[in-house]
Structures are given as C-alpha cells and as structure tokens.
Amino acid sequence: MAMLEIPQNVPDEELVELLQTEEYREEAFAFLMDRYSPKLYNVVRRIVHRHEDTDDVLQSTFIKVWKNINTFRGDSKLSTWMYTIATNEALSHIRRERRGRKVPLTTEEYDLSETLVSDPYFDGSKAEADFLAAIDQLPEKQKLTFEYRYFEELPYKEIAEITGTSEGALKANYHHAVKKLQNFLNISEEED
C-alpha cells in the first residue's frame, strides 16, 4: 500500500473525509495533529498554565478526537469542534485539580506570574506573566471569551459555537473582562 501524500493546504472538509476513511485514517490523523497541535496547545496552556498539564490535556483531546471523528457531522468547522473538546478537557482538568486540593488556591499560596516566570517552558517577560495572571483571575466565562477573542482572534460567532453562549453575552463578557483586566493591571482608559 502506497503512503498517502496530504498537501499542506488541504481544506479541513477533505481532511475529515480522510479521517473518516479507515484506509487513510492514521496518516490523516498524524497530519491533523501536526496542523492543530500548536493552536490547541496555546488554548489549553492559557487555561491550565503548566506545560506538563497542557501536554496531558492535549493528549486526552486528541484521543477524544480520534475516538469521535466518525461522529463529526460538519455542523461546525473542524477547528471549532476541536477547540470545544480542548476547552472542555482543560476545564475538566482544572476541576479535578481543584477537587484534589485540600487547601483552596489563593493568591498568597500561588502566584501565577512567579510560577510562569520560573517555568522553563515559559518564554515571556514578567509583564506578560502578570497579564496572564490577571486573566486567570477572571470568572471562567469571561476568561474563555477574552482568550478566544484576544489570543485566537476568533469571531464571536465561532466562540458562541465553542462555548454554547449567545454572541450578545460573549460581547458583554469580553467588555467586562477588559474592564477587570484594566483594573487588575492598574491601566487607565487613556492608556488604551
């Protein structure tokens, strides 16, 4: 059997067809992982923060994609479907972590900006770490909305599909998140 050569610019719709064909599934899945691992890694990393946890969540995301690709009907974009799985896996991981802790996580016990700066996989500045720590203080829905809009530059319509929230509520979440981040970081509106 000859090896399947998948062009780099193959549309996701064709990739899904290959993924749902038993003969090409493994090669198409390897291609899918190469295409989407960096984006999904970034989404998950902003939710769970630690590189090791991110790798675990990413692995469980791809396992779910592998197991469920035959049920993917194309009602949404492939990327939207995978963002949804990755987000749900990351949030489940956070909930499991919180349940496993005997002491609640507070800023005195856990300074995210210091943790990020000391992480060998974090390549940003202290200012970036402080920004990520401020984002981490947002309520879950505001945080997800802000991260998908700001970092991934997704349209509200796609974020609505991922989160199951109306576009109007997402716009409000984003607005409130920006205001809270300005307060957390002591940024006045004139500095925007």
C-alpha atoms as a PDB file:
ATOM      1  CA  MET A   1       0.000   0.000   0.000  1.00  0.00           C
ATOM      2  CA  ALA A   2       1.371   3.398  -1.039  1.00  0.00           C
ATOM      3  CA  MET A   3       1.743   6.155   1.538  1.00  0.00           C
ATOM      4  CA  LEU A   4      -0.856   8.921   1.272  1.00  0.00           C
ATOM      5  CA  GLU A   5       0.646  12.336   0.499  1.00  0.00           C
ATOM      6  CA  ILE A   6      -1.579  15.035   2.031  1.00  0.00           C
ATOM      7  CA  PRO A   7      -0.963  18.547   0.668  1.00  0.00           C
ATOM      8  CA  GLN A   8      -0.339  21.216   3.347  1.00  0.00           C
ATOM      9  CA  ASN A   9      -3.232  23.343   2.102  1.00  0.00           C
ATOM     10  CA  VAL A  10      -5.832  20.563   2.173  1.00  0.00           C
ATOM     11  CA  PRO A  11      -9.175  22.005   3.357  1.00  0.00           C
ATOM     12  CA  ASP A  12     -10.462  20.674   6.668  1.00  0.00           C
ATOM     13  CA  GLU A  13     -13.542  19.227   4.944  1.00  0.00           C
ATOM     14  CA  GLU A  14     -11.329  16.943   2.822  1.00  0.00           C
ATOM     15  CA  LEU A  15      -9.203  16.123   5.861  1.00  0.00           C
ATOM     16  CA  VAL A  16     -12.341  14.991   7.708  1.00  0.00           C
ATOM     17  CA  GLU A  17     -13.219  12.712   4.798  1.00  0.00           C
ATOM     18  CA  LEU A  18      -9.745  11.156   5.003  1.00  0.00           C
ATOM     19  CA  LEU A  19     -10.063  10.812   8.782  1.00  0.00           C
ATOM     20  CA  GLN A  20     -13.377   9.017   8.361  1.00  0.00           C
ATOM     21  CA  THR A  21     -11.908   6.602   5.791  1.00  0.00           C
ATOM     22  CA  GLU A  22     -10.355   3.623   7.551  1.00  0.00           C
ATOM     23  CA  GLU A  23      -7.641   3.227   4.885  1.00  0.00           C
ATOM     24  CA  TYR A  24      -6.236   6.768   5.387  1.00  0.00           C
ATOM     25  CA  ARG A  25      -7.212   7.433   8.988  1.00  0.00           C
ATOM     26  CA  GLU A  26      -3.800   7.100  10.638  1.00  0.00           C
ATOM     27  CA  GLU A  27      -1.944   9.275   8.112  1.00  0.00           C
ATOM     28  CA  ALA A  28      -4.717  11.878   8.133  1.00  0.00           C
ATOM     29  CA  PHE A  29      -4.717  11.918  11.929  1.00  0.00           C
ATOM     30  CA  ALA A  30      -0.956  12.473  12.043  1.00  0.00           C
ATOM     31  CA  PHE A  31      -1.460  15.380   9.633  1.00  0.00           C
ATOM     32  CA  LEU A  32      -4.317  16.739  11.785  1.00  0.00           C
ATOM     33  CA  MET A  33      -2.114  16.629  14.882  1.00  0.00           C
ATOM     34  CA  ASP A  34       0.674  18.487  13.080  1.00  0.00           C
ATOM     35  CA  ARG A  35      -1.772  21.126  11.841  1.00  0.00           C
ATOM     36  CA  TYR A  36      -3.653  21.733  15.096  1.00  0.00           C
ATOM     37  CA  SER A  37      -1.285  20.850  17.959  1.00  0.00           C
ATOM     38  CA  PRO A  38       0.270  24.334  18.225  1.00  0.00           C
ATOM     39  CA  LYS A  39      -3.088  26.150  18.276  1.00  0.00           C
ATOM     40  CA  LEU A  40      -4.704  23.707  20.681  1.00  0.00           C
ATOM     41  CA  TYR A  41      -1.608  23.729  22.878  1.00  0.00           C
ATOM     42  CA  ASN A  42      -1.844  27.522  23.197  1.00  0.00           C
ATOM     43  CA  VAL A  43      -5.546  27.408  24.061  1.00  0.00           C
ATOM     44  CA  VAL A  44      -5.073  24.693  26.681  1.00  0.00           C
ATOM     45  CA  ARG A  45      -1.907  26.250  28.127  1.00  0.00           C
ATOM     46  CA  ARG A  46      -3.707  29.505  28.847  1.00  0.00           C
ATOM     47  CA  ILE A  47      -6.341  27.560  30.794  1.00  0.00           C
ATOM     48  CA  VAL A  48      -4.204  25.072  32.761  1.00  0.00           C
ATOM     49  CA  HIS A  49      -0.879  27.020  32.770  1.00  0.00           C
ATOM     50  CA  ARG A  50       1.614  24.216  33.434  1.00  0.00           C
ATOM     51  CA  HIS A  51       3.377  22.654  30.435  1.00  0.00           C
ATOM     52  CA  GLU A  52       3.043  19.114  31.808  1.00  0.00           C
ATOM     53  CA  ASP A  53      -0.683  19.521  32.434  1.00  0.00           C
ATOM     54  CA  THR A  54      -1.100  21.069  28.997  1.00  0.00           C
ATOM     55  CA  ASP A  55       0.540  18.061  27.367  1.00  0.00           C
ATOM     56  CA  ASP A  56      -1.774  15.701  29.292  1.00  0.00           C
ATOM     57  CA  VAL A  57      -4.884  17.684  28.311  1.00  0.00           C
ATOM     58  CA  LEU A  58      -3.739  17.914  24.694  1.00  0.00           C
ATOM     59  CA  GLN A  59      -3.210  14.158  24.599  1.00  0.00           C
ATOM     60  CA  SER A  60      -6.697  13.485  26.005  1.00  0.00           C
ATOM     61  CA  THR A  61      -8.117  15.996  23.490  1.00  0.00           C
ATOM     62  CA  PHE A  62      -6.592  14.130  20.560  1.00  0.00           C
ATOM     63  CA  ILE A  63      -7.751  10.789  21.988  1.00  0.00           C
ATOM     64  CA  LYS A  64     -11.322  12.139  22.043  1.00  0.00           C
ATOM     65  CA  VAL A  65     -10.939  13.466  18.504  1.00  0.00           C
ATOM     66  CA  TRP A  66      -9.652  10.046  17.346  1.00  0.00           C
ATOM     67  CA  LYS A  67     -12.488   8.182  19.065  1.00  0.00           C
ATOM     68  CA  ASN A  68     -15.217  10.535  17.857  1.00  0.00           C
ATOM     69  CA  ILE A  69     -14.131  11.677  14.393  1.00  0.00           C
ATOM     70  CA  ASN A  70     -16.579   9.282  12.742  1.00  0.00           C
ATOM     71  CA  THR A  71     -19.453  11.054  14.521  1.00  0.00           C
ATOM     72  CA  PHE A  72     -18.302  14.516  13.377  1.00  0.00           C
ATOM     73  CA  ARG A  73     -21.064  15.711  11.024  1.00  0.00           C
ATOM     74  CA  GLY A  74     -19.614  19.034   9.950  1.00  0.00           C
ATOM     75  CA  ASP A  75     -22.294  21.157  11.640  1.00  0.00           C
ATOM     76  CA  SER A  76     -19.416  23.375  12.762  1.00  0.00           C
ATOM     77  CA  LYS A  77     -15.885  23.815  11.492  1.00  0.00           C
ATOM     78  CA  LEU A  78     -13.418  21.070  12.422  1.00  0.00           C
ATOM     79  CA  SER A  79     -11.319  23.611  14.329  1.00  0.00           C
ATOM     80  CA  THR A  80     -14.358  24.779  16.312  1.00  0.00           C
ATOM     81  CA  TRP A  81     -15.201  21.187  17.230  1.00  0.00           C
ATOM     82  CA  MET A  82     -11.630  20.544  18.386  1.00  0.00           C
ATOM     83  CA  TYR A  83     -11.453  23.853  20.317  1.00  0.00           C
ATOM     84  CA  THR A  84     -14.621  22.785  22.112  1.00  0.00           C
ATOM     85  CA  ILE A  85     -13.139  19.409  23.036  1.00  0.00           C
ATOM     86  CA  ALA A  86      -9.853  21.007  24.149  1.00  0.00           C
ATOM     87  CA  THR A  87     -11.647  23.639  26.235  1.00  0.00           C
ATOM     88  CA  ASN A  88     -13.868  21.058  27.914  1.00  0.00           C
ATOM     89  CA  GLU A  89     -10.876  18.799  28.611  1.00  0.00           C
ATOM     90  CA  ALA A  90      -8.901  21.707  30.086  1.00  0.00           C
ATOM     91  CA  LEU A  91     -11.806  22.829  32.274  1.00  0.00           C
ATOM     92  CA  SER A  92     -12.357  19.241  33.445  1.00  0.00           C
ATOM     93  CA  HIS A  93      -8.671  19.027  34.322  1.00  0.00           C
ATOM     94  CA  ILE A  94      -8.902  22.255  36.361  1.00  0.00           C
ATOM     95  CA  ARG A  95     -11.982  20.969  38.206  1.00  0.00           C
ATOM     96  CA  ARG A  96     -10.243  17.667  39.017  1.00  0.00           C
ATOM     97  CA  GLU A  97      -7.215  19.610  40.276  1.00  0.00           C
ATOM     98  CA  ARG A  98      -9.377  21.808  42.498  1.00  0.00           C
ATOM     99  CA  ARG A  99     -11.240  18.807  43.941  1.00  0.00           C
ATOM    100  CA  GLY A 100      -7.924  17.101  44.700  1.00  0.00           C
ATOM    101  CA  ARG A 101      -6.586  20.085  46.668  1.00  0.00           C
ATOM    102  CA  LYS A 102      -7.146  20.117  50.392  1.00  0.00           C
ATOM    103  CA  VAL A 103      -6.466  23.868  50.666  1.00  0.00           C
ATOM    104  CA  PRO A 104      -8.168  26.331  48.328  1.00  0.00           C
ATOM    105  CA  LEU A 105      -5.967  28.054  45.806  1.00  0.00           C
ATOM    106  CA  THR A 106      -5.397  31.672  46.809  1.00  0.00           C
ATOM    107  CA  THR A 107      -3.022  34.336  45.593  1.00  0.00           C
ATOM    108  CA  GLU A 108      -0.976  34.058  48.808  1.00  0.00           C
ATOM    109  CA  GLU A 109      -0.368  30.352  48.178  1.00  0.00           C
ATOM    110  CA  TYR A 110       0.100  30.524  44.439  1.00  0.00           C
ATOM    111  CA  ASP A 111       1.477  33.433  42.475  1.00  0.00           C
ATOM    112  CA  LEU A 112       0.831  32.518  38.839  1.00  0.00           C
ATOM    113  CA  SER A 113       3.133  35.205  37.451  1.00  0.00           C
ATOM    114  CA  GLU A 114       6.053  33.888  39.547  1.00  0.00           C
ATOM    115  CA  THR A 115       5.182  30.304  38.608  1.00  0.00           C
ATOM    116  CA  LEU A 116       5.157  31.154  34.900  1.00  0.00           C
ATOM    117  CA  VAL A 117       8.421  33.091  35.007  1.00  0.00           C
ATOM    118  CA  SER A 118      10.134  30.160  36.732  1.00  0.00           C
ATOM    119  CA  ASP A 119       8.670  27.604  34.275  1.00  0.00           C
ATOM    120  CA  PRO A 120      11.413  26.537  31.823  1.00  0.00           C
ATOM    121  CA  TYR A 121       8.804  26.349  29.033  1.00  0.00           C
ATOM    122  CA  PHE A 122       7.598  29.936  29.528  1.00  0.00           C
ATOM    123  CA  ASP A 123       9.461  32.305  27.243  1.00  0.00           C
ATOM    124  CA  GLY A 124       7.726  35.573  28.064  1.00  0.00           C
ATOM    125  CA  SER A 125       8.520  38.558  30.244  1.00  0.00           C
ATOM    126  CA  LYS A 126       7.391  39.369  33.780  1.00  0.00           C
ATOM    127  CA  ALA A 127       4.847  41.811  32.278  1.00  0.00           C
ATOM    128  CA  GLU A 128       3.402  39.013  30.142  1.00  0.00           C
ATOM    129  CA  ALA A 129       3.285  36.723  33.170  1.00  0.00           C
ATOM    130  CA  ASP A 130       1.451  39.427  35.141  1.00  0.00           C
ATOM    131  CA  PHE A 131      -1.004  39.849  32.246  1.00  0.00           C
ATOM    132  CA  LEU A 132      -1.673  36.083  32.147  1.00  0.00           C
ATOM    133  CA  ALA A 133      -2.059  36.017  35.927  1.00  0.00           C
ATOM    134  CA  ALA A 134      -4.624  38.852  35.689  1.00  0.00           C
ATOM    135  CA  ILE A 135      -6.531  36.915  33.007  1.00  0.00           C
ATOM    136  CA  ASP A 136      -6.505  33.898  35.304  1.00  0.00           C
ATOM    137  CA  GLN A 137      -8.387  35.925  37.945  1.00  0.00           C
ATOM    138  CA  LEU A 138     -11.345  36.481  35.616  1.00  0.00           C
ATOM    139  CA  PRO A 139     -14.522  34.427  36.035  1.00  0.00           C
ATOM    140  CA  GLU A 140     -14.414  31.329  33.805  1.00  0.00           C
ATOM    141  CA  LYS A 141     -16.755  32.579  31.044  1.00  0.00           C
ATOM    142  CA  GLN A 142     -15.087  35.982  30.823  1.00  0.00           C
ATOM    143  CA  LYS A 143     -11.680  34.329  30.779  1.00  0.00           C
ATOM    144  CA  LEU A 144     -12.578  31.943  27.939  1.00  0.00           C
ATOM    145  CA  THR A 145     -14.247  34.691  25.935  1.00  0.00           C
ATOM    146  CA  PHE A 146     -11.282  37.014  26.358  1.00  0.00           C
ATOM    147  CA  GLU A 147      -8.738  34.330  25.490  1.00  0.00           C
ATOM    148  CA  TYR A 148     -10.532  33.147  22.346  1.00  0.00           C
ATOM    149  CA  ARG A 149     -11.138  36.711  21.165  1.00  0.00           C
ATOM    150  CA  TYR A 150      -7.805  38.284  22.144  1.00  0.00           C
ATOM    151  CA  PHE A 151      -5.319  35.460  21.589  1.00  0.00           C
ATOM    152  CA  GLU A 152      -7.013  33.324  18.931  1.00  0.00           C
ATOM    153  CA  GLU A 153      -8.793  36.265  17.242  1.00  0.00           C
ATOM    154  CA  LEU A 154     -11.900  34.149  16.756  1.00  0.00           C
ATOM    155  CA  PRO A 155     -15.149  35.827  15.704  1.00  0.00           C
ATOM    156  CA  TYR A 156     -17.912  35.920  18.309  1.00  0.00           C
ATOM    157  CA  LYS A 157     -19.967  33.517  16.182  1.00  0.00           C
ATOM    158  CA  GLU A 158     -17.309  30.799  16.459  1.00  0.00           C
ATOM    159  CA  ILE A 159     -16.751  31.436  20.163  1.00  0.00           C
ATOM    160  CA  ALA A 160     -20.529  31.073  20.615  1.00  0.00           C
ATOM    161  CA  GLU A 161     -20.361  27.628  18.989  1.00  0.00           C
ATOM    162  CA  ILE A 162     -17.423  26.586  21.179  1.00  0.00           C
ATOM    163  CA  THR A 163     -18.894  27.807  24.464  1.00  0.00           C
ATOM    164  CA  GLY A 164     -22.619  27.405  23.824  1.00  0.00           C
ATOM    165  CA  THR A 165     -23.168  31.072  24.719  1.00  0.00           C
ATOM    166  CA  SER A 166     -25.003  33.762  22.748  1.00  0.00           C
ATOM    167  CA  GLU A 167     -22.983  36.332  20.815  1.00  0.00           C
ATOM    168  CA  GLY A 168     -24.515  39.154  22.867  1.00  0.00           C
ATOM    169  CA  ALA A 169     -23.468  37.521  26.134  1.00  0.00           C
ATOM    170  CA  LEU A 170     -19.971  36.961  24.727  1.00  0.00           C
ATOM    171  CA  LYS A 171     -19.640  40.622  23.778  1.00  0.00           C
ATOM    172  CA  ALA A 172     -20.682  41.581  27.308  1.00  0.00           C
ATOM    173  CA  ASN A 173     -18.237  39.030  28.785  1.00  0.00           C
ATOM    174  CA  TYR A 174     -15.418  40.451  26.682  1.00  0.00           C
ATOM    175  CA  HIS A 175     -16.231  44.034  27.665  1.00  0.00           C
ATOM    176  CA  HIS A 176     -16.360  43.129  31.385  1.00  0.00           C
ATOM    177  CA  ALA A 177     -13.130  41.135  31.072  1.00  0.00           C
ATOM    178  CA  VAL A 178     -11.295  44.077  29.513  1.00  0.00           C
ATOM    179  CA  LYS A 179     -12.522  46.417  32.270  1.00  0.00           C
ATOM    180  CA  LYS A 180     -11.456  43.950  35.010  1.00  0.00           C
ATOM    181  CA  LEU A 181      -8.049  43.462  33.401  1.00  0.00           C
ATOM    182  CA  GLN A 182      -7.562  47.231  33.271  1.00  0.00           C
ATOM    183  CA  ASN A 183      -8.353  47.341  36.994  1.00  0.00           C
ATOM    184  CA  PHE A 184      -6.138  44.335  37.851  1.00  0.00           C
ATOM    185  CA  LEU A 185      -3.231  45.841  35.945  1.00  0.00           C
ATOM    186  CA  ASN A 186      -3.937  49.447  37.014  1.00  0.00           C
ATOM    187  CA  ILE A 187      -4.332  50.663  33.436  1.00  0.00           C
ATOM    188  CA  SER A 188      -6.368  53.803  32.905  1.00  0.00           C
ATOM    189  CA  GLU A 189      -8.587  54.133  29.841  1.00  0.00           C
ATOM    190  CA  GLU A 190      -6.372  56.886  28.407  1.00  0.00           C
ATOM    191  CA  GLU A 191      -3.521  54.337  28.089  1.00  0.00           C
ATOM    192  CA  ASP A 192      -5.520  52.025  25.773  1.00  0.00           C
END
